Amino acid sequence: MSRSTATLSISLPPEMAKELTRIQKTEHRTRSELVREALRVYIRQADQRSLAERIAALPIDEPTDDERDAIRKGRAELAKGQSTPLSSLRHELRRTSRK
């Protein structure tokens, strides 16, 4: 039968162990609960840092003149209320794909 948890042994500096015990008593939680939560937070932040690094490494492409013109035209049409709601566009795309 496999275990649903893994048991780890960790070493902490005495002051950190005292802080853990203080928080444990204050929050009425086990050391395991506190360490699990701390690891969840750390892992989430590490994932966010990794994602931010990958995003930062993406190349930055400048739009072409044609793309800039299309953006300006689209913004002007939006300002004049000449836009199509997404629901209408989806309906039209579904309708044309059935043909």
C-alpha atoms as a PDB file:
ATOM      1  CA  MET A   1       0.000   0.000   0.000  1.00  0.00           C
ATOM      2  CA  SER A   2       1.477   3.384  -0.986  1.00  0.00           C
ATOM      3  CA  ARG A   3       1.611   6.354   1.355  1.00  0.00           C
ATOM      4  CA  SER A   4      -0.284   9.534   0.587  1.00  0.00           C
ATOM      5  CA  THR A   5       2.520  11.633   2.080  1.00  0.00           C
ATOM      6  CA  ALA A   6       6.300  11.644   2.106  1.00  0.00           C
ATOM      7  CA  THR A   7       8.086  12.097   5.405  1.00  0.00           C
ATOM      8  CA  LEU A   8      11.001  14.544   5.394  1.00  0.00           C
ATOM      9  CA  SER A   9      13.488  15.518   8.046  1.00  0.00           C
ATOM     10  CA  ILE A  10      14.703  19.094   7.974  1.00  0.00           C
ATOM     11  CA  SER A  11      17.206  21.072   9.995  1.00  0.00           C
ATOM     12  CA  LEU A  12      16.428  24.601  11.139  1.00  0.00           C
ATOM     13  CA  PRO A  13      18.533  27.171  12.926  1.00  0.00           C
ATOM     14  CA  PRO A  14      17.390  27.446  16.588  1.00  0.00           C
ATOM     15  CA  GLU A  15      15.866  30.915  16.109  1.00  0.00           C
ATOM     16  CA  MET A  16      13.824  29.748  13.131  1.00  0.00           C
ATOM     17  CA  ALA A  17      12.619  26.713  15.115  1.00  0.00           C
ATOM     18  CA  LYS A  18      11.531  29.052  17.937  1.00  0.00           C
ATOM     19  CA  GLU A  19       9.636  31.230  15.443  1.00  0.00           C
ATOM     20  CA  LEU A  20       7.959  28.149  13.987  1.00  0.00           C
ATOM     21  CA  THR A  21       6.873  27.038  17.474  1.00  0.00           C
ATOM     22  CA  ARG A  22       5.600  30.545  18.282  1.00  0.00           C
ATOM     23  CA  ILE A  23       3.504  30.711  15.119  1.00  0.00           C
ATOM     24  CA  GLN A  24       2.335  27.138  15.621  1.00  0.00           C
ATOM     25  CA  LYS A  25       0.958  28.016  19.062  1.00  0.00           C
ATOM     26  CA  THR A  26      -0.533  31.316  17.918  1.00  0.00           C
ATOM     27  CA  GLU A  27      -2.322  29.790  14.929  1.00  0.00           C
ATOM     28  CA  HIS A  28      -3.129  26.431  16.571  1.00  0.00           C
ATOM     29  CA  ARG A  29      -1.608  24.540  13.653  1.00  0.00           C
ATOM     30  CA  THR A  30       0.896  21.742  13.358  1.00  0.00           C
ATOM     31  CA  ARG A  31       4.475  22.274  12.251  1.00  0.00           C
ATOM     32  CA  SER A  32       3.717  20.125   9.222  1.00  0.00           C
ATOM     33  CA  GLU A  33       0.809  22.376   8.223  1.00  0.00           C
ATOM     34  CA  LEU A  34       2.968  25.487   8.537  1.00  0.00           C
ATOM     35  CA  VAL A  35       5.873  24.005   6.584  1.00  0.00           C
ATOM     36  CA  ARG A  36       3.525  22.710   3.856  1.00  0.00           C
ATOM     37  CA  GLU A  37       1.977  26.167   3.524  1.00  0.00           C
ATOM     38  CA  ALA A  38       5.395  27.832   3.414  1.00  0.00           C
ATOM     39  CA  LEU A  39       6.501  25.421   0.677  1.00  0.00           C
ATOM     40  CA  ARG A  40       3.299  26.005  -1.310  1.00  0.00           C
ATOM     41  CA  VAL A  41       3.926  29.767  -1.189  1.00  0.00           C
ATOM     42  CA  TYR A  42       7.583  29.338  -2.143  1.00  0.00           C
ATOM     43  CA  ILE A  43       6.769  26.982  -5.024  1.00  0.00           C
ATOM     44  CA  ARG A  44       4.062  29.354  -6.332  1.00  0.00           C
ATOM     45  CA  GLN A  45       6.501  32.288  -6.201  1.00  0.00           C
ATOM     46  CA  ALA A  46       9.236  30.230  -7.863  1.00  0.00           C
ATOM     47  CA  ASP A  47       6.807  29.337 -10.662  1.00  0.00           C
ATOM     48  CA  GLN A  48       5.884  33.011 -11.054  1.00  0.00           C
ATOM     49  CA  ARG A  49       9.565  33.999 -11.181  1.00  0.00           C
ATOM     50  CA  SER A  50      10.212  31.319 -13.783  1.00  0.00           C
ATOM     51  CA  LEU A  51       7.285  32.536 -15.875  1.00  0.00           C
ATOM     52  CA  ALA A  52       8.435  36.152 -15.556  1.00  0.00           C
ATOM     53  CA  GLU A  53      11.935  35.148 -16.680  1.00  0.00           C
ATOM     54  CA  ARG A  54      10.539  33.269 -19.685  1.00  0.00           C
ATOM     55  CA  ILE A  55       8.357  36.246 -20.606  1.00  0.00           C
ATOM     56  CA  ALA A  56      11.318  38.627 -20.248  1.00  0.00           C
ATOM     57  CA  ALA A  57      13.335  36.415 -22.594  1.00  0.00           C
ATOM     58  CA  LEU A  58      10.718  36.644 -25.361  1.00  0.00           C
ATOM     59  CA  PRO A  59      11.784  38.740 -28.311  1.00  0.00           C
ATOM     60  CA  ILE A  60      10.125  42.107 -28.666  1.00  0.00           C
ATOM     61  CA  ASP A  61       8.894  42.651 -32.198  1.00  0.00           C
ATOM     62  CA  GLU A  62       8.046  46.125 -33.370  1.00  0.00           C
ATOM     63  CA  PRO A  63       4.873  46.322 -35.449  1.00  0.00           C
ATOM     64  CA  THR A  64       5.234  46.938 -39.153  1.00  0.00           C
ATOM     65  CA  ASP A  65       3.900  50.125 -40.734  1.00  0.00           C
ATOM     66  CA  ASP A  66       0.894  48.163 -42.054  1.00  0.00           C
ATOM     67  CA  GLU A  67       0.192  46.803 -38.567  1.00  0.00           C
ATOM     68  CA  ARG A  68       0.433  50.299 -37.064  1.00  0.00           C
ATOM     69  CA  ASP A  69      -2.011  51.588 -39.678  1.00  0.00           C
ATOM     70  CA  ALA A  70      -4.434  48.722 -38.944  1.00  0.00           C
ATOM     71  CA  ILE A  71      -4.231  49.473 -35.200  1.00  0.00           C
ATOM     72  CA  ARG A  72      -4.911  53.174 -35.781  1.00  0.00           C
ATOM     73  CA  LYS A  73      -7.827  52.335 -38.084  1.00  0.00           C
ATOM     74  CA  GLY A  74      -9.273  49.903 -35.529  1.00  0.00           C
ATOM     75  CA  ARG A  75      -8.985  52.444 -32.707  1.00  0.00           C
ATOM     76  CA  ALA A  76     -10.690  55.101 -34.824  1.00  0.00           C
ATOM     77  CA  GLU A  77     -13.534  52.706 -35.671  1.00  0.00           C
ATOM     78  CA  LEU A  78     -13.945  51.824 -31.984  1.00  0.00           C
ATOM     79  CA  ALA A  79     -14.053  55.521 -31.072  1.00  0.00           C
ATOM     80  CA  LYS A  80     -16.846  56.052 -33.619  1.00  0.00           C
ATOM     81  CA  GLY A  81     -18.758  53.013 -32.336  1.00  0.00           C
ATOM     82  CA  GLN A  82     -18.108  51.091 -35.523  1.00  0.00           C
ATOM     83  CA  SER A  83     -17.288  47.776 -33.893  1.00  0.00           C
ATOM     84  CA  THR A  84     -18.768  44.306 -33.949  1.00  0.00           C
ATOM     85  CA  PRO A  85     -19.557  42.606 -30.640  1.00  0.00           C
ATOM     86  CA  LEU A  86     -17.642  39.368 -30.086  1.00  0.00           C
ATOM     87  CA  SER A  87     -20.899  37.406 -29.841  1.00  0.00           C
ATOM     88  CA  SER A  88     -21.908  38.598 -33.333  1.00  0.00           C
ATOM     89  CA  LEU A  89     -18.506  37.737 -34.728  1.00  0.00           C
ATOM     90  CA  ARG A  90     -18.679  34.233 -33.225  1.00  0.00           C
ATOM     91  CA  HIS A  91     -22.183  33.753 -34.637  1.00  0.00           C
ATOM     92  CA  GLU A  92     -21.001  34.841 -38.084  1.00  0.00           C
ATOM     93  CA  LEU A  93     -17.955  32.559 -37.923  1.00  0.00           C
ATOM     94  CA  ARG A  94     -20.125  29.585 -36.934  1.00  0.00           C
ATOM     95  CA  ARG A  95     -22.577  30.374 -39.706  1.00  0.00           C
ATOM     96  CA  THR A  96     -19.897  30.609 -42.393  1.00  0.00           C
ATOM     97  CA  SER A  97     -18.104  27.465 -41.195  1.00  0.00           C
ATOM     98  CA  ARG A  98     -21.299  25.416 -41.658  1.00  0.00           C
ATOM     99  CA  LYS A  99     -21.518  26.376 -45.329  1.00  0.00           C
END
